[in-house]
Amino acid sequence: MAKVEEREVPQGNVPGERYSKTQPFSVGMPNIGNQTLTESDMWGATPLDQLLCRIEFKGMRHQGVYTPPGIDRALQYPGSLGGMNWGSVSVDPNNAIMFVNDMRLGLANSMVPRSKVPTGASGIEMGSGSDGRYAVRCDP
């Protein structure tokens, strides 16, 4: 068991939405991977790839963990396809080592007014939600 404390988190910019001012954080637990990205974390197989990645990053809002989607492009990291959600963990009790399959894949997302959703948009590229005023656009 770990101590949990409430910490202030970034607020969103979708008109009419209410956001929690705080979220729970475990205290004293080790982190797996970065929680907040910076421009210097951007990577590419070639210098041009890295430059393009940095340009994309600078064009998004990223305020660290719990960055909410908004009417602008926001970077969710890790995204819903990343983190420690692929299977389970393995433990070597003799050496006190835990093996974790962790994937860090960010998603660029934005809230799109329902009236501007392209006809036929579906799946991960455009989630319609239920009866809300906005759909969500997600791009890996």
Foldseek 3Di string as FASTA:
>chain_A
DFDKDWDADDDEDAPPDDDDRTDIDGPPDDDDDFQFDDLVPQDDPDPVRSVVRSVVVVQEDTDGAPPDAEQGWHKHWQDPVWAQPDDHWDADVVVGDIGTDTGIHIKTKHWAFPVPDDPPDDDQQWAQDDPDRTIMGIDD
